[in-house]
Amino acid sequence: MELLGLDEIRDLLGGISKQRATIIVGRKGFPDPLATLSMGRVWDGKAVRAWIAKNRPGPTDED
C-alpha cells in the first residue's frame, strides 16, 4: 500500500501551494485520510491517484 502525506499530494498536483492542497483535500469527494498521525494526515495513494485522474486531468497535447 502506498501512503501519501500532504506534501506528496502537492507534488502529484503539480507542486501547488500547501494552502491550495489543504483546500483540495478538504473537499467533499476527496478520499478520506486513512489516519491522522503526529506529522499529519495520510491517504491511500491508489485512491488519491484515482481521484486526481478523474478530477484533475492533465494538459492536453496540442501540436
PDB file of N, CA and C in Angstrom:
ATOM      1  N   MET A   1       0.845  -1.178   0.000  1.00  0.00           N
ATOM      2  CA  MET A   1       0.000   0.000   0.000  1.00  0.00           C
ATOM      3  C   MET A   1       0.890   1.241   0.000  1.00  0.00           C
ATOM      4  N   GLU A   2       0.546   2.180  -0.846  1.00  0.00           N
ATOM      5  CA  GLU A   2       1.256   3.453  -0.907  1.00  0.00           C
ATOM      6  C   GLU A   2       0.534   4.459  -0.011  1.00  0.00           C
ATOM      7  N   LEU A   3       1.252   5.066   0.906  1.00  0.00           N
ATOM      8  CA  LEU A   3       0.692   6.100   1.763  1.00  0.00           C
ATOM      9  C   LEU A   3       1.225   7.455   1.319  1.00  0.00           C
ATOM     10  N   LEU A   4       0.353   8.444   1.315  1.00  0.00           N
ATOM     11  CA  LEU A   4       0.730   9.794   0.902  1.00  0.00           C
ATOM     12  C   LEU A   4       0.387  10.796   1.990  1.00  0.00           C
ATOM     13  N   GLY A   5       1.298  11.718   2.217  1.00  0.00           N
ATOM     14  CA  GLY A   5       1.030  12.861   3.061  1.00  0.00           C
ATOM     15  C   GLY A   5       0.698  14.056   2.182  1.00  0.00           C
ATOM     16  N   LEU A   6       0.439  15.173   2.793  1.00  0.00           N
ATOM     17  CA  LEU A   6       0.058  16.366   2.045  1.00  0.00           C
ATOM     18  C   LEU A   6       1.145  16.796   1.060  1.00  0.00           C
ATOM     19  N   ASP A   7       2.406  16.677   1.439  1.00  0.00           N
ATOM     20  CA  ASP A   7       3.484  17.086   0.529  1.00  0.00           C
ATOM     21  C   ASP A   7       3.517  16.224  -0.727  1.00  0.00           C
ATOM     22  N   GLU A   8       3.290  14.925  -0.579  1.00  0.00           N
ATOM     23  CA  GLU A   8       3.259  14.047  -1.753  1.00  0.00           C
ATOM     24  C   GLU A   8       2.062  14.373  -2.645  1.00  0.00           C
ATOM     25  N   ILE A   9       0.942  14.683  -2.034  1.00  0.00           N
ATOM     26  CA  ILE A   9      -0.247  15.064  -2.803  1.00  0.00           C
ATOM     27  C   ILE A   9       0.013  16.371  -3.538  1.00  0.00           C
ATOM     28  N   ARG A  10       0.662  17.312  -2.891  1.00  0.00           N
ATOM     29  CA  ARG A  10       1.023  18.577  -3.550  1.00  0.00           C
ATOM     30  C   ARG A  10       1.855  18.309  -4.792  1.00  0.00           C
ATOM     31  N   ASP A  11       2.830  17.410  -4.676  1.00  0.00           N
ATOM     32  CA  ASP A  11       3.680  17.074  -5.822  1.00  0.00           C
ATOM     33  C   ASP A  11       2.852  16.459  -6.946  1.00  0.00           C
ATOM     34  N   LEU A  12       1.950  15.550  -6.606  1.00  0.00           N
ATOM     35  CA  LEU A  12       1.113  14.909  -7.622  1.00  0.00           C
ATOM     36  C   LEU A  12       0.208  15.915  -8.331  1.00  0.00           C
ATOM     37  N   LEU A  13      -0.132  16.984  -7.637  1.00  0.00           N
ATOM     38  CA  LEU A  13      -0.993  18.019  -8.209  1.00  0.00           C
ATOM     39  C   LEU A  13      -0.189  19.124  -8.891  1.00  0.00           C
ATOM     40  N   GLY A  14       1.077  18.862  -9.132  1.00  0.00           N
ATOM     41  CA  GLY A  14       1.889  19.816  -9.888  1.00  0.00           C
ATOM     42  C   GLY A  14       2.635  20.821  -9.044  1.00  0.00           C
ATOM     43  N   GLY A  15       2.850  20.515  -7.781  1.00  0.00           N
ATOM     44  CA  GLY A  15       3.613  21.427  -6.937  1.00  0.00           C
ATOM     45  C   GLY A  15       2.820  22.622  -6.450  1.00  0.00           C
ATOM     46  N   ILE A  16       1.528  22.424  -6.251  1.00  0.00           N
ATOM     47  CA  ILE A  16       0.678  23.522  -5.779  1.00  0.00           C
ATOM     48  C   ILE A  16       1.054  23.914  -4.349  1.00  0.00           C
ATOM     49  N   SER A  17       0.558  25.050  -3.913  1.00  0.00           N
ATOM     50  CA  SER A  17       0.872  25.531  -2.570  1.00  0.00           C
ATOM     51  C   SER A  17       0.221  24.645  -1.508  1.00  0.00           C
ATOM     52  N   LYS A  18       0.772  24.720  -0.308  1.00  0.00           N
ATOM     53  CA  LYS A  18       0.220  23.961   0.820  1.00  0.00           C
ATOM     54  C   LYS A  18      -1.209  24.408   1.105  1.00  0.00           C
ATOM     55  N   GLN A  19      -1.459  25.710   1.005  1.00  0.00           N
ATOM     56  CA  GLN A  19      -2.814  26.234   1.233  1.00  0.00           C
ATOM     57  C   GLN A  19      -3.791  25.638   0.236  1.00  0.00           C
ATOM     58  N   ARG A  20      -3.430  25.642  -1.032  1.00  0.00           N
ATOM     59  CA  ARG A  20      -4.325  25.111  -2.077  1.00  0.00           C
ATOM     60  C   ARG A  20      -4.552  23.619  -1.880  1.00  0.00           C
ATOM     61  N   ALA A  21      -3.499  22.879  -1.561  1.00  0.00           N
ATOM     62  CA  ALA A  21      -3.638  21.440  -1.334  1.00  0.00           C
ATOM     63  C   ALA A  21      -4.560  21.158  -0.150  1.00  0.00           C
ATOM     64  N   THR A  22      -4.455  21.962   0.897  1.00  0.00           N
ATOM     65  CA  THR A  22      -5.313  21.783   2.072  1.00  0.00           C
ATOM     66  C   THR A  22      -6.773  21.990   1.700  1.00  0.00           C
ATOM     67  N   ILE A  23      -7.050  22.954   0.848  1.00  0.00           N
ATOM     68  CA  ILE A  23      -8.421  23.181   0.378  1.00  0.00           C
ATOM     69  C   ILE A  23      -8.904  21.977  -0.422  1.00  0.00           C
ATOM     70  N   ILE A  24      -8.077  21.466  -1.322  1.00  0.00           N
ATOM     71  CA  ILE A  24      -8.478  20.348  -2.174  1.00  0.00           C
ATOM     72  C   ILE A  24      -8.754  19.093  -1.357  1.00  0.00           C
ATOM     73  N   VAL A  25      -7.865  18.747  -0.410  1.00  0.00           N
ATOM     74  CA  VAL A  25      -8.073  17.516   0.362  1.00  0.00           C
ATOM     75  C   VAL A  25      -9.263  17.638   1.314  1.00  0.00           C
ATOM     76  N   GLY A  26      -9.712  18.856   1.572  1.00  0.00           N
ATOM     77  CA  GLY A  26     -10.878  19.063   2.426  1.00  0.00           C
ATOM     78  C   GLY A  26     -12.201  19.053   1.681  1.00  0.00           C
ATOM     79  N   ARG A  27     -12.144  18.980   0.364  1.00  0.00           N
ATOM     80  CA  ARG A  27     -13.373  18.999  -0.442  1.00  0.00           C
ATOM     81  C   ARG A  27     -14.166  17.712  -0.302  1.00  0.00           C
ATOM     82  N   LYS A  28     -15.462  17.866  -0.416  1.00  0.00           N
ATOM     83  CA  LYS A  28     -16.341  16.699  -0.467  1.00  0.00           C
ATOM     84  C   LYS A  28     -15.961  15.893  -1.711  1.00  0.00           C
ATOM     85  N   GLY A  29     -15.831  14.607  -1.558  1.00  0.00           N
ATOM     86  CA  GLY A  29     -15.483  13.751  -2.669  1.00  0.00           C
ATOM     87  C   GLY A  29     -14.016  13.354  -2.707  1.00  0.00           C
ATOM     88  N   PHE A  30     -13.141  14.133  -2.040  1.00  0.00           N
ATOM     89  CA  PHE A  30     -11.737  13.728  -1.971  1.00  0.00           C
ATOM     90  C   PHE A  30     -11.655  12.560  -1.004  1.00  0.00           C
ATOM     91  N   PRO A  31     -10.795  11.584  -1.291  1.00  0.00           N
ATOM     92  CA  PRO A  31     -10.702  10.424  -0.388  1.00  0.00           C
ATOM     93  C   PRO A  31     -10.430  10.839   1.062  1.00  0.00           C
ATOM     94  N   ASP A  32     -11.073  10.151   1.976  1.00  0.00           N
ATOM     95  CA  ASP A  32     -10.829  10.405   3.396  1.00  0.00           C
ATOM     96  C   ASP A  32      -9.432   9.914   3.765  1.00  0.00           C
ATOM     97  N   PRO A  33      -8.776  10.597   4.690  1.00  0.00           N
ATOM     98  CA  PRO A  33      -7.470  10.101   5.140  1.00  0.00           C
ATOM     99  C   PRO A  33      -7.644   8.770   5.873  1.00  0.00           C
ATOM    100  N   LEU A  34      -6.628   7.925   5.774  1.00  0.00           N
ATOM    101  CA  LEU A  34      -6.651   6.644   6.476  1.00  0.00           C
ATOM    102  C   LEU A  34      -6.396   6.828   7.962  1.00  0.00           C
ATOM    103  N   ALA A  35      -5.557   7.811   8.288  1.00  0.00           N
ATOM    104  CA  ALA A  35      -5.196   8.064   9.685  1.00  0.00           C
ATOM    105  C   ALA A  35      -4.671   9.480   9.813  1.00  0.00           C
ATOM    106  N   THR A  36      -4.689   9.968  11.043  1.00  0.00           N
ATOM    107  CA  THR A  36      -4.051  11.238  11.364  1.00  0.00           C
ATOM    108  C   THR A  36      -2.951  10.935  12.361  1.00  0.00           C
ATOM    109  N   LEU A  37      -1.726  11.192  11.952  1.00  0.00           N
ATOM    110  CA  LEU A  37      -0.545  10.951  12.771  1.00  0.00           C
ATOM    111  C   LEU A  37      -0.022  12.279  13.291  1.00  0.00           C
ATOM    112  N   SER A  38       0.988  12.240  14.120  1.00  0.00           N
ATOM    113  CA  SER A  38       1.540  13.498  14.633  1.00  0.00           C
ATOM    114  C   SER A  38       2.093  14.363  13.510  1.00  0.00           C
ATOM    115  N   MET A  39       2.550  13.740  12.401  1.00  0.00           N
ATOM    116  CA  MET A  39       3.056  14.502  11.258  1.00  0.00           C
ATOM    117  C   MET A  39       1.945  15.011  10.359  1.00  0.00           C
ATOM    118  N   GLY A  40       0.741  14.542  10.557  1.00  0.00           N
ATOM    119  CA  GLY A  40      -0.391  14.974   9.746  1.00  0.00           C
ATOM    120  C   GLY A  40      -1.201  13.795   9.230  1.00  0.00           C
ATOM    121  N   ARG A  41      -2.088  14.097   8.321  1.00  0.00           N
ATOM    122  CA  ARG A  41      -2.957  13.062   7.756  1.00  0.00           C
ATOM    123  C   ARG A  41      -2.230  12.256   6.692  1.00  0.00           C
ATOM    124  N   VAL A  42      -2.650  10.994   6.529  1.00  0.00           N
ATOM    125  CA  VAL A  42      -2.113  10.143   5.469  1.00  0.00           C
ATOM    126  C   VAL A  42      -3.272   9.523   4.703  1.00  0.00           C
ATOM    127  N   TRP A  43      -3.073   9.427   3.379  1.00  0.00           N
ATOM    128  CA  TRP A  43      -4.102   8.920   2.479  1.00  0.00           C
ATOM    129  C   TRP A  43      -3.602   7.691   1.747  1.00  0.00           C
ATOM    130  N   ASP A  44      -4.544   6.907   1.244  1.00  0.00           N
ATOM    131  CA  ASP A  44      -4.242   5.772   0.375  1.00  0.00           C
ATOM    132  C   ASP A  44      -3.847   6.326  -0.994  1.00  0.00           C
ATOM    133  N   GLY A  45      -2.619   6.046  -1.417  1.00  0.00           N
ATOM    134  CA  GLY A  45      -2.110   6.576  -2.675  1.00  0.00           C
ATOM    135  C   GLY A  45      -2.947   6.181  -3.873  1.00  0.00           C
ATOM    136  N   LYS A  46      -3.426   4.953  -3.903  1.00  0.00           N
ATOM    137  CA  LYS A  46      -4.231   4.482  -5.030  1.00  0.00           C
ATOM    138  C   LYS A  46      -5.513   5.301  -5.149  1.00  0.00           C
ATOM    139  N   ALA A  47      -6.171   5.566  -4.023  1.00  0.00           N
ATOM    140  CA  ALA A  47      -7.414   6.340  -4.031  1.00  0.00           C
ATOM    141  C   ALA A  47      -7.160   7.786  -4.450  1.00  0.00           C
ATOM    142  N   VAL A  48      -6.062   8.360  -3.974  1.00  0.00           N
ATOM    143  CA  VAL A  48      -5.730   9.745  -4.330  1.00  0.00           C
ATOM    144  C   VAL A  48      -5.402   9.848  -5.814  1.00  0.00           C
ATOM    145  N   ARG A  49      -4.605   8.907  -6.324  1.00  0.00           N
ATOM    146  CA  ARG A  49      -4.258   8.929  -7.753  1.00  0.00           C
ATOM    147  C   ARG A  49      -5.502   8.771  -8.626  1.00  0.00           C
ATOM    148  N   ALA A  50      -6.442   7.926  -8.208  1.00  0.00           N
ATOM    149  CA  ALA A  50      -7.695   7.752  -8.961  1.00  0.00           C
ATOM    150  C   ALA A  50      -8.501   9.049  -8.938  1.00  0.00           C
ATOM    151  N   TRP A  51      -8.561   9.718  -7.796  1.00  0.00           N
ATOM    152  CA  TRP A  51      -9.293  10.986  -7.695  1.00  0.00           C
ATOM    153  C   TRP A  51      -8.658  12.028  -8.612  1.00  0.00           C
ATOM    154  N   ILE A  52      -7.328  12.104  -8.599  1.00  0.00           N
ATOM    155  CA  ILE A  52      -6.637  13.078  -9.452  1.00  0.00           C
ATOM    156  C   ILE A  52      -6.916  12.792 -10.920  1.00  0.00           C
ATOM    157  N   ALA A  53      -6.839  11.524 -11.318  1.00  0.00           N
ATOM    158  CA  ALA A  53      -7.083  11.158 -12.718  1.00  0.00           C
ATOM    159  C   ALA A  53      -8.490  11.557 -13.159  1.00  0.00           C
ATOM    160  N   LYS A  54      -9.442  11.443 -12.256  1.00  0.00           N
ATOM    161  CA  LYS A  54     -10.835  11.752 -12.595  1.00  0.00           C
ATOM    162  C   LYS A  54     -11.130  13.253 -12.525  1.00  0.00           C
ATOM    163  N   ASN A  55     -10.561  13.926 -11.544  1.00  0.00           N
ATOM    164  CA  ASN A  55     -10.948  15.305 -11.252  1.00  0.00           C
ATOM    165  C   ASN A  55      -9.962  16.379 -11.668  1.00  0.00           C
ATOM    166  N   ARG A  56      -8.741  15.991 -11.945  1.00  0.00           N
ATOM    167  CA  ARG A  56      -7.703  16.971 -12.288  1.00  0.00           C
ATOM    168  C   ARG A  56      -6.943  16.510 -13.517  1.00  0.00           C
ATOM    169  N   PRO A  57      -7.615  16.443 -14.661  1.00  0.00           N
ATOM    170  CA  PRO A  57      -6.919  15.971 -15.866  1.00  0.00           C
ATOM    171  C   PRO A  57      -5.738  16.866 -16.206  1.00  0.00           C
ATOM    172  N   GLY A  58      -4.707  16.246 -16.762  1.00  0.00           N
ATOM    173  CA  GLY A  58      -3.502  16.981 -17.144  1.00  0.00           C
ATOM    174  C   GLY A  58      -3.741  17.792 -18.399  1.00  0.00           C
ATOM    175  N   PRO A  59      -2.751  18.566 -18.783  1.00  0.00           N
ATOM    176  CA  PRO A  59      -2.878  19.360 -20.010  1.00  0.00           C
ATOM    177  C   PRO A  59      -2.963  18.448 -21.229  1.00  0.00           C
ATOM    178  N   THR A  60      -3.686  18.891 -22.206  1.00  0.00           N
ATOM    179  CA  THR A  60      -3.821  18.114 -23.432  1.00  0.00           C
ATOM    180  C   THR A  60      -2.613  18.353 -24.324  1.00  0.00           C
ATOM    181  N   ASP A  61      -2.291  17.371 -25.123  1.00  0.00           N
ATOM    182  CA  ASP A  61      -1.187  17.518 -26.069  1.00  0.00           C
ATOM    183  C   ASP A  61      -1.681  18.202 -27.316  1.00  0.00           C
ATOM    184  N   GLU A  62      -1.236  19.419 -27.545  1.00  0.00           N
ATOM    185  CA  GLU A  62      -1.645  20.169 -28.728  1.00  0.00           C
ATOM    186  C   GLU A  62      -0.403  20.480 -29.547  1.00  0.00           C
ATOM    187  N   ASP A  63      -0.312  19.893 -30.724  1.00  0.00           N
ATOM    188  CA  ASP A  63       0.854  20.131 -31.597  1.00  0.00           C
ATOM    189  C   ASP A  63       0.507  21.073 -32.708  1.00  0.00           C
TER     190      ASP A  63
END
